């Protein structure tokens, strides 16, 4: 069974330690993307492609050693 876009995003958020609003802003310039999807928003085909492209590029950059998991800047500042 194929996972939904939201399931793939949730897995990516765990993998990247990226806050949902940062992800939405970086992927499609919509900081509410993840919360809207969690609330039942149905993404169009173009949005799905943009989100998948962002996640694939991020993973390729991480594999090449050019990015690290971001984490939440609010919690990093406290350490």
N, C-alpha and C. Protein backbone atom coordinates (compact mmCIF):
# COMPACT_ATOMS: atom_id res chain seq x y z
N UNK A 1 0.85 -1.19 0.00
CA UNK A 1 0.00 0.00 0.00
C UNK A 1 0.89 1.25 0.00
N UNK A 2 0.58 2.17 -0.87
CA UNK A 2 1.39 3.38 -0.99
C UNK A 2 1.03 4.37 0.11
N UNK A 3 2.07 5.02 0.63
CA UNK A 3 1.85 6.01 1.69
C UNK A 3 1.34 7.31 1.09
N UNK A 4 0.57 8.03 1.87
CA UNK A 4 0.06 9.32 1.42
C UNK A 4 1.16 10.36 1.49
N UNK A 5 0.92 11.50 0.85
CA UNK A 5 1.89 12.59 0.91
C UNK A 5 2.14 12.99 2.36
N UNK A 6 1.09 13.11 3.15
CA UNK A 6 1.26 13.50 4.55
C UNK A 6 2.12 12.49 5.30
N UNK A 7 1.94 11.22 5.06
CA UNK A 7 2.77 10.20 5.72
C UNK A 7 4.23 10.34 5.32
N UNK A 8 4.47 10.62 4.04
CA UNK A 8 5.85 10.80 3.57
C UNK A 8 6.45 12.06 4.18
N UNK A 9 5.65 13.11 4.31
CA UNK A 9 6.15 14.35 4.93
C UNK A 9 6.46 14.11 6.39
N UNK A 10 5.58 13.44 7.10
CA UNK A 10 5.81 13.16 8.53
C UNK A 10 7.10 12.38 8.72
N UNK A 11 7.35 11.39 7.86
CA UNK A 11 8.60 10.63 7.96
C UNK A 11 9.80 11.53 7.68
N UNK A 12 9.66 12.43 6.70
CA UNK A 12 10.74 13.35 6.37
C UNK A 12 11.02 14.30 7.54
N UNK A 13 9.97 14.79 8.19
CA UNK A 13 10.15 15.70 9.32
C UNK A 13 10.95 15.02 10.44
N UNK A 14 10.67 13.76 10.68
CA UNK A 14 11.45 13.02 11.70
C UNK A 14 12.89 12.84 11.26
N UNK A 15 13.06 12.48 10.00
CA UNK A 15 14.40 12.25 9.46
C UNK A 15 15.25 13.51 9.48
N UNK A 16 14.65 14.63 9.12
CA UNK A 16 15.40 15.88 8.99
C UNK A 16 15.41 16.71 10.26
N UNK A 17 14.57 16.36 11.23
CA UNK A 17 14.40 17.16 12.45
C UNK A 17 14.02 18.59 12.11
N UNK A 18 13.22 18.74 11.05
CA UNK A 18 12.81 20.06 10.57
C UNK A 18 11.41 20.36 11.11
N UNK A 19 11.21 21.53 11.67
CA UNK A 19 9.86 21.90 12.12
C UNK A 19 8.91 21.98 10.93
N UNK A 20 7.63 21.65 11.13
CA UNK A 20 6.67 21.66 10.03
C UNK A 20 6.57 22.99 9.30
N UNK A 21 6.60 24.10 10.02
CA UNK A 21 6.47 25.39 9.36
C UNK A 21 7.69 25.71 8.50
N UNK A 22 8.87 25.32 8.95
CA UNK A 22 10.09 25.53 8.18
C UNK A 22 10.03 24.68 6.91
N UNK A 23 9.56 23.45 7.04
CA UNK A 23 9.42 22.58 5.88
C UNK A 23 8.48 23.18 4.86
N UNK A 24 7.30 23.58 5.29
CA UNK A 24 6.32 24.14 4.36
C UNK A 24 6.83 25.38 3.66
N UNK A 25 7.49 26.23 4.41
CA UNK A 25 8.03 27.47 3.83
C UNK A 25 9.12 27.15 2.80
N UNK A 26 9.99 26.22 3.13
CA UNK A 26 11.09 25.87 2.22
C UNK A 26 10.60 25.11 0.99
N UNK A 27 9.63 24.24 1.17
CA UNK A 27 9.18 23.39 0.07
C UNK A 27 8.25 24.12 -0.90
N UNK A 28 7.28 24.85 -0.36
CA UNK A 28 6.26 25.46 -1.24
C UNK A 28 5.87 26.87 -0.83
N UNK A 29 6.70 27.51 0.00
CA UNK A 29 6.44 28.87 0.47
C UNK A 29 5.11 29.00 1.21
N UNK A 30 4.77 27.95 1.96
CA UNK A 30 3.52 27.94 2.73
C UNK A 30 3.80 27.34 4.10
N UNK A 31 4.03 28.20 5.11
CA UNK A 31 4.35 27.67 6.44
C UNK A 31 3.21 26.87 7.07
N UNK A 32 2.00 26.99 6.56
CA UNK A 32 0.87 26.24 7.11
C UNK A 32 0.60 24.94 6.38
N UNK A 33 1.44 24.58 5.44
CA UNK A 33 1.20 23.39 4.61
C UNK A 33 0.93 22.15 5.45
N UNK A 34 1.83 21.83 6.35
CA UNK A 34 1.70 20.57 7.12
C UNK A 34 0.47 20.61 8.00
N UNK A 35 0.22 21.72 8.67
CA UNK A 35 -0.97 21.78 9.53
C UNK A 35 -2.24 21.69 8.70
N UNK A 36 -2.24 22.30 7.51
CA UNK A 36 -3.41 22.19 6.63
C UNK A 36 -3.61 20.76 6.14
N UNK A 37 -2.53 20.08 5.78
CA UNK A 37 -2.64 18.69 5.35
C UNK A 37 -3.14 17.81 6.49
N UNK A 38 -2.66 18.08 7.69
CA UNK A 38 -3.13 17.32 8.86
C UNK A 38 -4.61 17.56 9.09
N UNK A 39 -5.08 18.75 8.69
CA UNK A 39 -6.49 19.10 8.85
C UNK A 39 -7.37 18.66 7.70
N UNK A 40 -6.80 17.99 6.71
CA UNK A 40 -7.61 17.45 5.63
C UNK A 40 -7.43 18.11 4.27
N UNK A 41 -6.54 19.06 4.15
CA UNK A 41 -6.31 19.71 2.85
C UNK A 41 -5.84 18.68 1.83
N UNK A 42 -6.38 18.76 0.64
CA UNK A 42 -6.01 17.86 -0.45
C UNK A 42 -5.06 18.61 -1.39
N UNK A 43 -3.81 18.17 -1.49
CA UNK A 43 -2.85 18.85 -2.36
C UNK A 43 -3.08 18.49 -3.82
N UNK A 44 -2.78 19.44 -4.69
CA UNK A 44 -2.87 19.18 -6.13
C UNK A 44 -1.61 18.49 -6.62
N UNK A 45 -1.64 18.09 -7.88
CA UNK A 45 -0.52 17.38 -8.46
C UNK A 45 0.77 18.18 -8.48
N UNK A 46 0.66 19.48 -8.79
CA UNK A 46 1.86 20.31 -8.85
C UNK A 46 2.48 20.47 -7.46
N UNK A 47 1.64 20.61 -6.44
CA UNK A 47 2.16 20.74 -5.07
C UNK A 47 2.85 19.45 -4.64
N UNK A 48 2.25 18.32 -4.98
CA UNK A 48 2.86 17.04 -4.63
C UNK A 48 4.25 16.94 -5.26
N UNK A 49 4.35 17.32 -6.52
CA UNK A 49 5.65 17.27 -7.21
C UNK A 49 6.66 18.20 -6.55
N UNK A 50 6.25 19.40 -6.17
CA UNK A 50 7.17 20.35 -5.54
C UNK A 50 7.65 19.83 -4.20
N UNK A 51 6.75 19.26 -3.41
CA UNK A 51 7.11 18.73 -2.10
C UNK A 51 8.06 17.55 -2.25
N UNK A 52 7.73 16.62 -3.14
CA UNK A 52 8.59 15.46 -3.36
C UNK A 52 9.97 15.89 -3.85
N UNK A 53 10.00 16.87 -4.75
CA UNK A 53 11.27 17.37 -5.27
C UNK A 53 12.12 17.96 -4.14
N UNK A 54 11.50 18.76 -3.28
CA UNK A 54 12.22 19.35 -2.15
C UNK A 54 12.82 18.26 -1.27
N UNK A 55 12.02 17.24 -0.94
CA UNK A 55 12.51 16.18 -0.06
C UNK A 55 13.65 15.39 -0.73
N UNK A 56 13.51 15.13 -2.02
CA UNK A 56 14.55 14.38 -2.73
C UNK A 56 15.85 15.17 -2.81
N UNK A 57 15.76 16.47 -3.10
CA UNK A 57 16.95 17.31 -3.16
C UNK A 57 17.61 17.39 -1.79
N UNK A 58 16.84 17.55 -0.73
CA UNK A 58 17.39 17.64 0.63
C UNK A 58 18.13 16.35 0.98
N UNK A 59 17.51 15.20 0.64
CA UNK A 59 18.15 13.92 0.94
C UNK A 59 19.44 13.75 0.14
N UNK A 60 19.44 14.18 -1.11
CA UNK A 60 20.65 14.08 -1.93
C UNK A 60 21.76 14.97 -1.36
N UNK A 61 21.40 16.17 -0.94
CA UNK A 61 22.37 17.09 -0.33
C UNK A 61 22.90 16.52 0.97
N UNK A 62 22.05 15.92 1.76
CA UNK A 62 22.48 15.32 3.03
C UNK A 62 23.41 14.15 2.76
N UNK A 63 23.06 13.33 1.79
CA UNK A 63 23.90 12.18 1.43
C UNK A 63 25.28 12.64 0.98
N UNK A 64 25.32 13.80 0.31
CA UNK A 64 26.60 14.36 -0.16
C UNK A 64 27.34 15.09 0.95
N UNK A 65 26.71 15.20 2.13
CA UNK A 65 27.36 15.84 3.27
C UNK A 65 27.25 17.35 3.29
N UNK A 66 26.33 17.89 2.51
CA UNK A 66 26.20 19.35 2.45
C UNK A 66 25.14 19.92 3.39
N UNK A 67 24.28 19.08 3.95
CA UNK A 67 23.31 19.55 4.93
C UNK A 67 23.25 18.56 6.08
N UNK A 68 22.86 19.04 7.21
CA UNK A 68 22.67 18.20 8.39
C UNK A 68 21.25 18.43 8.88
N UNK A 69 20.70 17.51 9.66
CA UNK A 69 19.37 17.76 10.22
C UNK A 69 19.35 19.11 10.92
N UNK A 70 18.30 19.89 10.65
CA UNK A 70 18.25 21.25 11.17
C UNK A 70 17.83 21.32 12.63
N UNK A 71 16.83 20.59 12.98
CA UNK A 71 16.29 20.71 14.33
C UNK A 71 15.54 22.01 14.48
N UNK A 72 15.03 22.23 15.62
CA UNK A 72 14.26 23.44 15.91
C UNK A 72 15.20 24.48 16.48
N UNK A 73 15.28 25.62 15.85
CA UNK A 73 16.21 26.67 16.30
C UNK A 73 15.92 27.13 17.72
N UNK A 74 14.66 27.05 18.13
CA UNK A 74 14.32 27.49 19.48
C UNK A 74 14.98 26.58 20.52
N UNK A 75 15.03 25.27 20.25
CA UNK A 75 15.64 24.36 21.23
C UNK A 75 17.15 24.38 21.12
N UNK A 76 17.70 24.62 19.93
CA UNK A 76 19.15 24.69 19.79
C UNK A 76 19.72 25.90 20.52
N UNK A 77 19.00 27.01 20.54
CA UNK A 77 19.48 28.22 21.18
C UNK A 77 19.61 28.04 22.69
N UNK A 78 18.84 27.13 23.26
CA UNK A 78 18.84 26.94 24.71
C UNK A 78 20.02 26.09 25.16
N UNK A 79 20.64 25.34 24.27
CA UNK A 79 21.72 24.45 24.69
C UNK A 79 23.04 25.15 24.78
